[in-house]
Amino acid sequence: MPSSDPDPDSRHDLRRRLRRRRRALAIAAPDAGEAAARHLPPDALPRVRTFAAYLPAGGEIDPGPLSVRLLALGAERLLPRALEDGSLKFLDAPLDAPLAPDAVGVPAPLPDSPERRPDLVITPLVGFDRFGGRLGQGGGHYDRALERLRRTGPVFVLGLAFAGQEVDRLALEPHDQTLDAVLTEAGYRSLPQA
């Protein structure tokens, strides 16, 4: 993964612009999660036993329809829980699991829920590029979690986004983790590693 020294102010400005764009896209295409789930080719993913999804916020595309599809194939759903130290744990989260706010205020499985290792991480994002670059919210939670997972074995990282969140090229930092593929309301695309 190439490293660069992007201007933190420009990354902050880019995040702000892309968040605004994402909110507008969510209003314009409220069924984008359904459309994206329909675009996932049956053979696109490796065998998935456990997958980590997320609960959408701030205009993020809804992974619910994709989760339902994966559950129907026999996979088990996990959800992230952010901890005070800035890390993420992926915890068991059946559809009827009780939820409580995590360290950043996002609904998450209860702290005593079993932790599991996902085969597939469906990650929210603010922006992405055609090289696999991913721009997250800026806290580094997913970057740290993905780096830890990749150190211990294979994991497939699928960005779920609106097609309009794509940018020409992101200036990646050394800690930034890349996507293996992206799924949007317009289609599925495997991505080369940046």
C-alpha atoms as a PDB file:
ATOM      1  CA  MET A   1       0.000   0.000   0.000  1.00  0.00           C
ATOM      2  CA  PRO A   2       1.612   3.287  -1.004  1.00  0.00           C
ATOM      3  CA  SER A   3       2.066   5.827   1.710  1.00  0.00           C
ATOM      4  CA  SER A   4       1.718   9.513   1.258  1.00  0.00           C
ATOM      5  CA  ASP A   5       1.692  12.555   3.464  1.00  0.00           C
ATOM      6  CA  PRO A   6      -1.715  14.071   2.724  1.00  0.00           C
ATOM      7  CA  ASP A   7      -2.615  17.437   4.168  1.00  0.00           C
ATOM      8  CA  PRO A   8      -4.847  16.743   7.206  1.00  0.00           C
ATOM      9  CA  ASP A   9      -6.887  19.864   6.424  1.00  0.00           C
ATOM     10  CA  SER A  10      -7.611  18.668   2.893  1.00  0.00           C
ATOM     11  CA  ARG A  11      -8.625  15.208   4.224  1.00  0.00           C
ATOM     12  CA  HIS A  12     -10.926  16.931   6.700  1.00  0.00           C
ATOM     13  CA  ASP A  13     -12.425  19.085   3.936  1.00  0.00           C
ATOM     14  CA  LEU A  14     -12.820  16.050   1.656  1.00  0.00           C
ATOM     15  CA  ARG A  15     -14.616  14.140   4.428  1.00  0.00           C
ATOM     16  CA  ARG A  16     -16.946  17.071   5.011  1.00  0.00           C
ATOM     17  CA  ARG A  17     -17.792  17.362   1.295  1.00  0.00           C
ATOM     18  CA  LEU A  18     -18.265  13.603   0.898  1.00  0.00           C
ATOM     19  CA  ARG A  19     -20.483  13.364   3.990  1.00  0.00           C
ATOM     20  CA  ARG A  20     -22.685  16.103   2.549  1.00  0.00           C
ATOM     21  CA  ARG A  21     -22.784  14.253  -0.786  1.00  0.00           C
ATOM     22  CA  ARG A  22     -23.608  10.962   0.949  1.00  0.00           C
ATOM     23  CA  ARG A  23     -26.546  12.514   2.833  1.00  0.00           C
ATOM     24  CA  ALA A  24     -27.906  13.911  -0.445  1.00  0.00           C
ATOM     25  CA  LEU A  25     -27.492  10.526  -2.163  1.00  0.00           C
ATOM     26  CA  ALA A  26     -29.311   8.789   0.699  1.00  0.00           C
ATOM     27  CA  ILE A  27     -32.279  11.134   0.248  1.00  0.00           C
ATOM     28  CA  ALA A  28     -32.265  10.710  -3.538  1.00  0.00           C
ATOM     29  CA  ALA A  29     -31.939   6.897  -3.425  1.00  0.00           C
ATOM     30  CA  PRO A  30     -33.565   5.557  -0.232  1.00  0.00           C
ATOM     31  CA  ASP A  31     -33.686   2.010  -1.676  1.00  0.00           C
ATOM     32  CA  ALA A  32     -29.988   1.898  -2.582  1.00  0.00           C
ATOM     33  CA  GLY A  33     -29.316  -0.882  -0.056  1.00  0.00           C
ATOM     34  CA  GLU A  34     -31.849  -3.115  -1.823  1.00  0.00           C
ATOM     35  CA  ALA A  35     -30.359  -2.301  -5.225  1.00  0.00           C
ATOM     36  CA  ALA A  36     -26.821  -2.987  -3.997  1.00  0.00           C
ATOM     37  CA  ALA A  37     -27.813  -6.374  -2.534  1.00  0.00           C
ATOM     38  CA  ARG A  38     -29.309  -7.368  -5.901  1.00  0.00           C
ATOM     39  CA  HIS A  39     -26.009  -6.487  -7.632  1.00  0.00           C
ATOM     40  CA  LEU A  40     -23.845  -8.853  -5.586  1.00  0.00           C
ATOM     41  CA  PRO A  41     -22.816 -11.674  -7.953  1.00  0.00           C
ATOM     42  CA  PRO A  42     -23.378 -15.118  -6.383  1.00  0.00           C
ATOM     43  CA  ASP A  43     -19.716 -16.090  -6.796  1.00  0.00           C
ATOM     44  CA  ALA A  44     -18.153 -12.725  -5.873  1.00  0.00           C
ATOM     45  CA  LEU A  45     -17.330 -13.543  -2.266  1.00  0.00           C
ATOM     46  CA  PRO A  46     -15.286 -16.328  -0.734  1.00  0.00           C
ATOM     47  CA  ARG A  47     -17.250 -18.789   1.399  1.00  0.00           C
ATOM     48  CA  VAL A  48     -18.709 -16.667   4.198  1.00  0.00           C
ATOM     49  CA  ARG A  49     -19.445 -18.240   7.572  1.00  0.00           C
ATOM     50  CA  THR A  50     -19.466 -14.998   9.565  1.00  0.00           C
ATOM     51  CA  PHE A  51     -19.828 -11.457   8.304  1.00  0.00           C
ATOM     52  CA  ALA A  52     -19.546  -8.117  10.043  1.00  0.00           C
ATOM     53  CA  ALA A  53     -22.143  -5.571   8.992  1.00  0.00           C
ATOM     54  CA  TYR A  54     -22.964  -2.189  10.572  1.00  0.00           C
ATOM     55  CA  LEU A  55     -26.013  -0.143  11.497  1.00  0.00           C
ATOM     56  CA  PRO A  56     -26.270   2.831   9.118  1.00  0.00           C
ATOM     57  CA  ALA A  57     -25.912   6.418  10.335  1.00  0.00           C
ATOM     58  CA  GLY A  58     -25.356   9.781   8.686  1.00  0.00           C
ATOM     59  CA  GLY A  59     -26.671   8.722   5.291  1.00  0.00           C
ATOM     60  CA  GLU A  60     -24.634   5.496   5.074  1.00  0.00           C
ATOM     61  CA  ILE A  61     -26.100   2.967   2.677  1.00  0.00           C
ATOM     62  CA  ASP A  62     -28.187   0.395   4.549  1.00  0.00           C
ATOM     63  CA  PRO A  63     -26.511  -3.038   4.734  1.00  0.00           C
ATOM     64  CA  GLY A  64     -29.769  -4.630   5.955  1.00  0.00           C
ATOM     65  CA  PRO A  65     -30.813  -6.123   2.596  1.00  0.00           C
ATOM     66  CA  LEU A  66     -27.312  -7.522   2.023  1.00  0.00           C
ATOM     67  CA  SER A  67     -27.295  -8.936   5.565  1.00  0.00           C
ATOM     68  CA  VAL A  68     -30.626 -10.682   4.934  1.00  0.00           C
ATOM     69  CA  ARG A  69     -29.185 -12.217   1.761  1.00  0.00           C
ATOM     70  CA  LEU A  70     -26.089 -13.488   3.579  1.00  0.00           C
ATOM     71  CA  LEU A  71     -28.159 -14.815   6.492  1.00  0.00           C
ATOM     72  CA  ALA A  72     -30.316 -16.734   3.998  1.00  0.00           C
ATOM     73  CA  LEU A  73     -27.115 -18.402   2.748  1.00  0.00           C
ATOM     74  CA  GLY A  74     -26.360 -19.604   6.277  1.00  0.00           C
ATOM     75  CA  ALA A  75     -23.822 -16.982   7.377  1.00  0.00           C
ATOM     76  CA  GLU A  76     -23.906 -15.511  10.879  1.00  0.00           C
ATOM     77  CA  ARG A  77     -24.022 -11.740  11.439  1.00  0.00           C
ATOM     78  CA  LEU A  78     -21.646  -9.793  13.628  1.00  0.00           C
ATOM     79  CA  LEU A  79     -21.759  -6.087  14.446  1.00  0.00           C
ATOM     80  CA  PRO A  80     -18.912  -3.847  15.575  1.00  0.00           C
ATOM     81  CA  ARG A  81     -18.674  -2.451  19.086  1.00  0.00           C
ATOM     82  CA  ALA A  82     -16.307   0.507  19.513  1.00  0.00           C
ATOM     83  CA  LEU A  83     -14.333   0.443  22.752  1.00  0.00           C
ATOM     84  CA  GLU A  84     -12.934   3.300  24.840  1.00  0.00           C
ATOM     85  CA  ASP A  85      -9.386   2.530  23.632  1.00  0.00           C
ATOM     86  CA  GLY A  86     -10.392   3.214  19.996  1.00  0.00           C
ATOM     87  CA  SER A  87     -10.534  -0.434  18.953  1.00  0.00           C
ATOM     88  CA  LEU A  88     -13.448  -2.349  17.441  1.00  0.00           C
ATOM     89  CA  LYS A  89     -14.648  -5.792  18.442  1.00  0.00           C
ATOM     90  CA  PHE A  90     -16.927  -7.808  16.186  1.00  0.00           C
ATOM     91  CA  LEU A  91     -19.628  -9.412  18.317  1.00  0.00           C
ATOM     92  CA  ASP A  92     -22.427 -11.906  17.653  1.00  0.00           C
ATOM     93  CA  ALA A  93     -25.528 -10.023  16.516  1.00  0.00           C
ATOM     94  CA  PRO A  94     -28.490 -12.088  15.371  1.00  0.00           C
ATOM     95  CA  LEU A  95     -31.299  -9.900  14.019  1.00  0.00           C
ATOM     96  CA  ASP A  96     -33.086  -9.948  17.393  1.00  0.00           C
ATOM     97  CA  ALA A  97     -29.966  -9.207  19.480  1.00  0.00           C
ATOM     98  CA  PRO A  98     -30.346  -6.496  22.134  1.00  0.00           C
ATOM     99  CA  LEU A  99     -28.256  -3.400  21.418  1.00  0.00           C
ATOM    100  CA  ALA A 100     -26.779  -0.642  23.576  1.00  0.00           C
ATOM    101  CA  PRO A 101     -24.649   2.414  22.726  1.00  0.00           C
ATOM    102  CA  ASP A 102     -20.918   1.738  22.396  1.00  0.00           C
ATOM    103  CA  ALA A 103     -18.036   4.110  23.226  1.00  0.00           C
ATOM    104  CA  VAL A 104     -18.925   6.415  20.310  1.00  0.00           C
ATOM    105  CA  GLY A 105     -22.682   6.268  20.919  1.00  0.00           C
ATOM    106  CA  VAL A 106     -23.548   3.852  18.102  1.00  0.00           C
ATOM    107  CA  PRO A 107     -26.009   1.019  18.851  1.00  0.00           C
ATOM    108  CA  ALA A 108     -23.974  -2.176  19.196  1.00  0.00           C
ATOM    109  CA  PRO A 109     -24.253  -5.673  20.657  1.00  0.00           C
ATOM    110  CA  LEU A 110     -24.039  -5.810  24.439  1.00  0.00           C
ATOM    111  CA  PRO A 111     -20.448  -5.860  25.760  1.00  0.00           C
ATOM    112  CA  ASP A 112     -20.762  -9.459  26.989  1.00  0.00           C
ATOM    113  CA  SER A 113     -21.809 -10.773  23.549  1.00  0.00           C
ATOM    114  CA  PRO A 114     -19.377 -13.366  22.156  1.00  0.00           C
ATOM    115  CA  GLU A 115     -16.556 -11.947  20.039  1.00  0.00           C
ATOM    116  CA  ARG A 116     -16.033 -13.680  16.682  1.00  0.00           C
ATOM    117  CA  ARG A 117     -13.701 -13.328  13.714  1.00  0.00           C
ATOM    118  CA  PRO A 118     -15.500 -12.361  10.485  1.00  0.00           C
ATOM    119  CA  ASP A 119     -14.649 -13.867   7.097  1.00  0.00           C
ATOM    120  CA  LEU A 120     -16.224 -10.811   5.473  1.00  0.00           C
ATOM    121  CA  VAL A 121     -16.288  -7.230   6.727  1.00  0.00           C
ATOM    122  CA  ILE A 122     -18.912  -4.997   5.129  1.00  0.00           C
ATOM    123  CA  THR A 123     -17.519  -1.589   5.864  1.00  0.00           C
ATOM    124  CA  PRO A 124     -19.167   1.808   5.744  1.00  0.00           C
ATOM    125  CA  LEU A 125     -17.154   4.608   4.241  1.00  0.00           C
ATOM    126  CA  VAL A 126     -17.168   8.267   3.357  1.00  0.00           C
ATOM    127  CA  GLY A 127     -15.359   7.834   0.037  1.00  0.00           C
ATOM    128  CA  PHE A 128     -13.546   5.263  -2.088  1.00  0.00           C
ATOM    129  CA  ASP A 129     -11.440   5.109  -5.235  1.00  0.00           C
ATOM    130  CA  ARG A 130     -10.977   2.557  -8.015  1.00  0.00           C
ATOM    131  CA  PHE A 131      -7.665   1.417  -6.523  1.00  0.00           C
ATOM    132  CA  GLY A 132      -9.226   0.084  -3.308  1.00  0.00           C
ATOM    133  CA  GLY A 133      -8.638   3.219  -1.267  1.00  0.00           C
ATOM    134  CA  ARG A 134     -11.166   3.840   1.507  1.00  0.00           C
ATOM    135  CA  LEU A 135     -11.818   7.047   3.410  1.00  0.00           C
ATOM    136  CA  GLY A 136     -13.591   6.407   6.703  1.00  0.00           C
ATOM    137  CA  GLN A 137     -15.004   8.717   9.355  1.00  0.00           C
ATOM    138  CA  GLY A 138     -11.537   9.679  10.579  1.00  0.00           C
ATOM    139  CA  GLY A 139     -11.329   7.818  13.890  1.00  0.00           C
ATOM    140  CA  GLY A 140      -9.313   4.899  12.503  1.00  0.00           C
ATOM    141  CA  HIS A 141     -11.552   2.273  14.150  1.00  0.00           C
ATOM    142  CA  TYR A 142     -11.985   0.181  11.006  1.00  0.00           C
ATOM    143  CA  ASP A 143      -8.366   0.648   9.890  1.00  0.00           C
ATOM    144  CA  ARG A 144      -7.065  -0.731  13.195  1.00  0.00           C
ATOM    145  CA  ALA A 145      -9.594  -3.579  13.220  1.00  0.00           C
ATOM    146  CA  LEU A 146      -8.873  -4.570   9.608  1.00  0.00           C
ATOM    147  CA  GLU A 147      -5.116  -4.443  10.152  1.00  0.00           C
ATOM    148  CA  ARG A 148      -5.500  -6.734  13.183  1.00  0.00           C
ATOM    149  CA  LEU A 149      -7.727  -9.156  11.257  1.00  0.00           C
ATOM    150  CA  ARG A 150      -5.393  -9.257   8.250  1.00  0.00           C
ATOM    151  CA  ARG A 151      -2.450 -10.017  10.522  1.00  0.00           C
ATOM    152  CA  THR A 152      -4.184 -13.178  11.760  1.00  0.00           C
ATOM    153  CA  GLY A 153      -5.599 -14.557   8.512  1.00  0.00           C
ATOM    154  CA  PRO A 154      -7.601 -13.793   5.406  1.00  0.00           C
ATOM    155  CA  VAL A 155     -10.576 -11.458   5.563  1.00  0.00           C
ATOM    156  CA  PHE A 156     -12.527 -10.064   2.612  1.00  0.00           C
ATOM    157  CA  VAL A 157     -13.255  -6.335   2.931  1.00  0.00           C
ATOM    158  CA  LEU A 158     -16.306  -5.128   1.027  1.00  0.00           C
ATOM    159  CA  GLY A 159     -17.047  -1.419   0.910  1.00  0.00           C
ATOM    160  CA  LEU A 160     -20.760  -0.646   0.759  1.00  0.00           C
ATOM    161  CA  ALA A 161     -21.405   2.774  -0.701  1.00  0.00           C
ATOM    162  CA  PHE A 162     -23.327   4.922  -3.111  1.00  0.00           C
ATOM    163  CA  ALA A 163     -21.684   5.065  -6.550  1.00  0.00           C
ATOM    164  CA  GLY A 164     -21.521   8.844  -6.087  1.00  0.00           C
ATOM    165  CA  GLN A 165     -19.060   8.434  -3.198  1.00  0.00           C
ATOM    166  CA  GLU A 166     -16.280   7.453  -5.612  1.00  0.00           C
ATOM    167  CA  VAL A 167     -13.413   9.916  -6.005  1.00  0.00           C
ATOM    168  CA  ASP A 168     -10.541   9.921  -8.500  1.00  0.00           C
ATOM    169  CA  ARG A 169      -7.785   8.894  -6.094  1.00  0.00           C
ATOM    170  CA  LEU A 170      -7.444   9.066  -2.340  1.00  0.00           C
ATOM    171  CA  ALA A 171      -4.156  10.068  -0.760  1.00  0.00           C
ATOM    172  CA  LEU A 172      -3.663   7.128   1.587  1.00  0.00           C
ATOM    173  CA  GLU A 173      -1.766   7.247   4.859  1.00  0.00           C
ATOM    174  CA  PRO A 174       0.396   4.314   6.006  1.00  0.00           C
ATOM    175  CA  HIS A 175      -2.292   2.995   8.389  1.00  0.00           C
ATOM    176  CA  ASP A 176      -5.144   3.133   5.841  1.00  0.00           C
ATOM    177  CA  GLN A 177      -6.596  -0.289   5.020  1.00  0.00           C
ATOM    178  CA  THR A 178      -7.849  -0.933   1.502  1.00  0.00           C
ATOM    179  CA  LEU A 179     -10.967  -2.583   0.106  1.00  0.00           C
ATOM    180  CA  ASP A 180     -11.054  -5.860  -1.809  1.00  0.00           C
ATOM    181  CA  ALA A 181     -14.254  -4.830  -3.580  1.00  0.00           C
ATOM    182  CA  VAL A 182     -17.006  -2.246  -3.508  1.00  0.00           C
ATOM    183  CA  LEU A 183     -20.749  -2.778  -3.831  1.00  0.00           C
ATOM    184  CA  THR A 184     -22.991   0.123  -4.803  1.00  0.00           C
ATOM    185  CA  GLU A 185     -26.530   0.596  -6.044  1.00  0.00           C
ATOM    186  CA  ALA A 186     -24.979   0.615  -9.543  1.00  0.00           C
ATOM    187  CA  GLY A 187     -23.026  -2.644  -9.299  1.00  0.00           C
ATOM    188  CA  TYR A 188     -20.195  -4.732  -7.866  1.00  0.00           C
ATOM    189  CA  ARG A 189     -16.522  -4.130  -8.583  1.00  0.00           C
ATOM    190  CA  SER A 190     -13.379  -5.988  -7.512  1.00  0.00           C
ATOM    191  CA  LEU A 191     -10.649  -3.505  -6.713  1.00  0.00           C
ATOM    192  CA  PRO A 192      -6.900  -3.798  -7.163  1.00  0.00           C
ATOM    193  CA  GLN A 193      -4.943  -3.067  -4.024  1.00  0.00           C
ATOM    194  CA  ALA A 194      -3.731   0.541  -4.000  1.00  0.00           C
END
